[in-house]
Amino acid sequence: MALMTLNNIALSFGDPPLLVDVTLQIEPGERICLLGRNGTGKSTLMKMMAGEVLPDDGDVIRQKNTRVAMLGQDVP
């Protein structure tokens, strides 16, 4: 069973949309890496996985007791 599944995620803060029809499944033991240019939605996707941002459309399904941890981009 997947730890987390994102099905057909869409998110927009204006035009053009940031995420369109994104599908991702993370299985136990997998390691993932997000790569991309600035402003392409990497941090927003992580915030969505952590439950800090809700998608405009689609589903985020987390297995019970799954935790998402993030290291902030801004150093104090």
N, C-alpha and C. Protein backbone atom coordinates (compact mmCIF):
# COMPACT_ATOMS: atom_id res chain seq x y z
N MET A 1 0.84 -1.19 0.00
CA MET A 1 0.00 0.00 0.00
C MET A 1 0.88 1.25 0.00
N ALA A 2 0.53 2.20 -0.81
CA ALA A 2 1.31 3.44 -0.94
C ALA A 2 1.24 4.27 0.33
N LEU A 3 2.36 4.92 0.68
CA LEU A 3 2.36 5.85 1.81
C LEU A 3 1.55 7.09 1.48
N MET A 4 1.67 7.53 0.22
CA MET A 4 0.96 8.72 -0.22
C MET A 4 0.66 8.62 -1.71
N THR A 5 -0.53 9.07 -2.07
CA THR A 5 -0.92 9.10 -3.48
C THR A 5 -1.52 10.46 -3.78
N LEU A 6 -1.07 11.08 -4.86
CA LEU A 6 -1.66 12.30 -5.38
C LEU A 6 -2.29 11.94 -6.72
N ASN A 7 -3.59 12.16 -6.84
CA ASN A 7 -4.32 11.81 -8.06
C ASN A 7 -4.83 13.05 -8.78
N ASN A 8 -4.36 13.27 -9.98
CA ASN A 8 -4.88 14.34 -10.86
C ASN A 8 -4.94 15.69 -10.16
N ILE A 9 -3.84 16.07 -9.52
CA ILE A 9 -3.76 17.33 -8.77
C ILE A 9 -3.69 18.52 -9.73
N ALA A 10 -4.46 19.54 -9.40
CA ALA A 10 -4.40 20.81 -10.12
C ALA A 10 -4.34 21.93 -9.10
N LEU A 11 -3.51 22.94 -9.39
CA LEU A 11 -3.38 24.09 -8.50
C LEU A 11 -2.98 25.30 -9.32
N SER A 12 -3.63 26.41 -9.02
CA SER A 12 -3.34 27.64 -9.75
C SER A 12 -3.41 28.81 -8.79
N PHE A 13 -2.46 29.72 -8.92
CA PHE A 13 -2.48 30.98 -8.18
C PHE A 13 -2.70 32.12 -9.16
N GLY A 14 -3.17 31.83 -10.32
CA GLY A 14 -3.36 32.79 -11.40
C GLY A 14 -3.12 32.08 -12.71
N ASP A 15 -2.65 32.82 -13.69
CA ASP A 15 -2.39 32.22 -14.99
C ASP A 15 -0.92 32.36 -15.32
N PRO A 16 -0.22 31.39 -15.77
CA PRO A 16 -0.65 30.03 -16.08
C PRO A 16 -0.76 29.19 -14.82
N PRO A 17 -1.47 28.05 -14.89
CA PRO A 17 -1.60 27.17 -13.73
C PRO A 17 -0.24 26.63 -13.29
N LEU A 18 -0.09 26.39 -11.99
CA LEU A 18 1.18 25.90 -11.45
C LEU A 18 1.29 24.39 -11.61
N LEU A 19 0.25 23.66 -11.24
CA LEU A 19 0.23 22.20 -11.36
C LEU A 19 -1.02 21.78 -12.13
N VAL A 20 -0.84 20.92 -13.11
CA VAL A 20 -1.96 20.45 -13.93
C VAL A 20 -1.87 18.93 -14.07
N ASP A 21 -2.90 18.23 -13.61
CA ASP A 21 -3.03 16.78 -13.77
C ASP A 21 -1.80 16.02 -13.26
N VAL A 22 -1.33 16.37 -12.06
CA VAL A 22 -0.17 15.73 -11.45
C VAL A 22 -0.61 14.47 -10.71
N THR A 23 0.05 13.36 -11.00
CA THR A 23 -0.21 12.10 -10.32
C THR A 23 1.11 11.56 -9.82
N LEU A 24 1.13 11.15 -8.54
CA LEU A 24 2.35 10.67 -7.90
C LEU A 24 1.97 9.64 -6.85
N GLN A 25 2.76 8.58 -6.76
CA GLN A 25 2.54 7.58 -5.73
C GLN A 25 3.88 7.27 -5.08
N ILE A 26 3.92 7.29 -3.75
CA ILE A 26 5.15 7.02 -3.01
C ILE A 26 4.94 5.75 -2.19
N GLU A 27 5.78 4.76 -2.47
CA GLU A 27 5.69 3.47 -1.79
C GLU A 27 6.68 3.42 -0.62
N PRO A 28 6.42 2.56 0.37
CA PRO A 28 7.36 2.42 1.49
C PRO A 28 8.76 2.07 1.00
N GLY A 29 9.77 2.73 1.57
CA GLY A 29 11.16 2.47 1.21
C GLY A 29 11.67 3.25 0.02
N GLU A 30 10.79 3.92 -0.72
CA GLU A 30 11.23 4.71 -1.87
C GLU A 30 11.85 6.02 -1.41
N ARG A 31 12.77 6.50 -2.21
CA ARG A 31 13.34 7.84 -2.02
C ARG A 31 13.01 8.62 -3.27
N ILE A 32 12.56 9.86 -3.07
CA ILE A 32 12.21 10.68 -4.22
C ILE A 32 12.99 11.99 -4.17
N CYS A 33 13.11 12.61 -5.32
CA CYS A 33 13.81 13.88 -5.45
C CYS A 33 13.01 14.76 -6.39
N LEU A 34 12.81 16.02 -6.03
CA LEU A 34 12.13 16.98 -6.89
C LEU A 34 13.16 17.92 -7.47
N LEU A 35 13.22 17.98 -8.77
CA LEU A 35 14.13 18.87 -9.48
C LEU A 35 13.34 19.77 -10.40
N GLY A 36 13.77 21.00 -10.53
CA GLY A 36 13.11 21.90 -11.46
C GLY A 36 13.59 23.33 -11.26
N ARG A 37 13.26 24.14 -12.21
CA ARG A 37 13.62 25.55 -12.16
C ARG A 37 12.83 26.27 -11.08
N ASN A 38 13.29 27.44 -10.70
CA ASN A 38 12.57 28.27 -9.73
C ASN A 38 11.18 28.59 -10.25
N GLY A 39 10.20 28.52 -9.34
CA GLY A 39 8.84 28.90 -9.70
C GLY A 39 8.04 27.83 -10.39
N THR A 40 8.54 26.59 -10.42
CA THR A 40 7.81 25.53 -11.13
C THR A 40 6.92 24.70 -10.23
N GLY A 41 6.89 24.99 -8.90
CA GLY A 41 5.95 24.33 -8.02
C GLY A 41 6.52 23.26 -7.11
N LYS A 42 7.84 23.15 -7.00
CA LYS A 42 8.44 22.11 -6.15
C LYS A 42 8.05 22.30 -4.69
N SER A 43 8.25 23.48 -4.15
CA SER A 43 7.92 23.75 -2.74
C SER A 43 6.42 23.66 -2.51
N THR A 44 5.64 24.12 -3.44
CA THR A 44 4.19 24.05 -3.33
C THR A 44 3.72 22.60 -3.31
N LEU A 45 4.32 21.76 -4.12
CA LEU A 45 3.99 20.34 -4.13
C LEU A 45 4.33 19.71 -2.78
N MET A 46 5.48 20.05 -2.22
CA MET A 46 5.86 19.53 -0.90
C MET A 46 4.88 20.02 0.17
N LYS A 47 4.49 21.28 0.11
CA LYS A 47 3.52 21.81 1.08
C LYS A 47 2.18 21.10 0.94
N MET A 48 1.82 20.75 -0.28
CA MET A 48 0.59 20.02 -0.50
C MET A 48 0.69 18.61 0.10
N MET A 49 1.84 17.98 -0.07
CA MET A 49 2.05 16.65 0.49
C MET A 49 2.02 16.70 2.03
N ALA A 50 2.46 17.81 2.61
CA ALA A 50 2.46 17.98 4.06
C ALA A 50 1.10 18.44 4.59
N GLY A 51 0.18 18.78 3.71
CA GLY A 51 -1.15 19.22 4.13
C GLY A 51 -1.25 20.71 4.40
N GLU A 52 -0.22 21.48 4.05
CA GLU A 52 -0.23 22.92 4.28
C GLU A 52 -0.96 23.68 3.18
N VAL A 53 -1.04 23.09 1.99
CA VAL A 53 -1.72 23.69 0.84
C VAL A 53 -2.70 22.65 0.30
N LEU A 54 -3.92 23.09 -0.02
CA LEU A 54 -4.92 22.19 -0.59
C LEU A 54 -4.98 22.36 -2.10
N PRO A 55 -5.16 21.28 -2.83
CA PRO A 55 -5.26 21.39 -4.29
C PRO A 55 -6.59 22.01 -4.71
N ASP A 56 -6.61 22.65 -5.87
CA ASP A 56 -7.86 23.14 -6.44
C ASP A 56 -8.71 21.97 -6.92
N ASP A 57 -8.04 20.92 -7.39
CA ASP A 57 -8.73 19.74 -7.90
C ASP A 57 -7.85 18.53 -7.65
N GLY A 58 -8.44 17.36 -7.54
CA GLY A 58 -7.70 16.13 -7.34
C GLY A 58 -7.71 15.72 -5.87
N ASP A 59 -7.02 14.62 -5.59
CA ASP A 59 -7.02 14.03 -4.26
C ASP A 59 -5.61 13.79 -3.76
N VAL A 60 -5.40 14.08 -2.46
CA VAL A 60 -4.16 13.73 -1.77
C VAL A 60 -4.55 12.69 -0.73
N ILE A 61 -4.02 11.48 -0.88
CA ILE A 61 -4.37 10.38 0.01
C ILE A 61 -3.11 9.95 0.75
N ARG A 62 -3.17 10.04 2.09
CA ARG A 62 -2.03 9.65 2.93
C ARG A 62 -2.42 8.42 3.74
N GLN A 63 -1.50 7.47 3.83
CA GLN A 63 -1.73 6.33 4.70
C GLN A 63 -1.75 6.83 6.14
N LYS A 64 -2.55 6.22 6.98
CA LYS A 64 -2.67 6.64 8.37
C LYS A 64 -1.30 6.66 9.03
N ASN A 65 -1.04 7.69 9.83
CA ASN A 65 0.22 7.90 10.57
C ASN A 65 1.41 8.24 9.68
N THR A 66 1.20 8.60 8.43
CA THR A 66 2.29 9.03 7.56
C THR A 66 2.64 10.48 7.90
N ARG A 67 3.92 10.75 8.07
CA ARG A 67 4.38 12.10 8.39
C ARG A 67 5.22 12.64 7.24
N VAL A 68 5.09 13.92 6.99
CA VAL A 68 5.91 14.61 5.99
C VAL A 68 6.70 15.68 6.72
N ALA A 69 8.02 15.69 6.56
CA ALA A 69 8.87 16.70 7.18
C ALA A 69 9.56 17.49 6.10
N MET A 70 9.69 18.79 6.33
CA MET A 70 10.33 19.67 5.35
C MET A 70 11.35 20.55 6.05
N LEU A 71 12.41 20.86 5.36
CA LEU A 71 13.41 21.81 5.83
C LEU A 71 13.10 23.12 5.11
N GLY A 72 12.88 24.17 5.88
CA GLY A 72 12.52 25.46 5.29
C GLY A 72 13.62 26.02 4.39
N GLN A 73 13.22 26.81 3.43
CA GLN A 73 14.15 27.40 2.48
C GLN A 73 14.90 28.59 3.06
N ASP A 74 14.25 29.28 4.00
CA ASP A 74 14.84 30.50 4.56
C ASP A 74 15.57 30.16 5.85
N VAL A 75 16.84 30.54 5.92
CA VAL A 75 17.64 30.31 7.11
C VAL A 75 17.50 31.53 8.01
N PRO A 76 17.19 31.32 9.32
CA PRO A 76 17.03 32.47 10.22
C PRO A 76 18.33 33.23 10.42
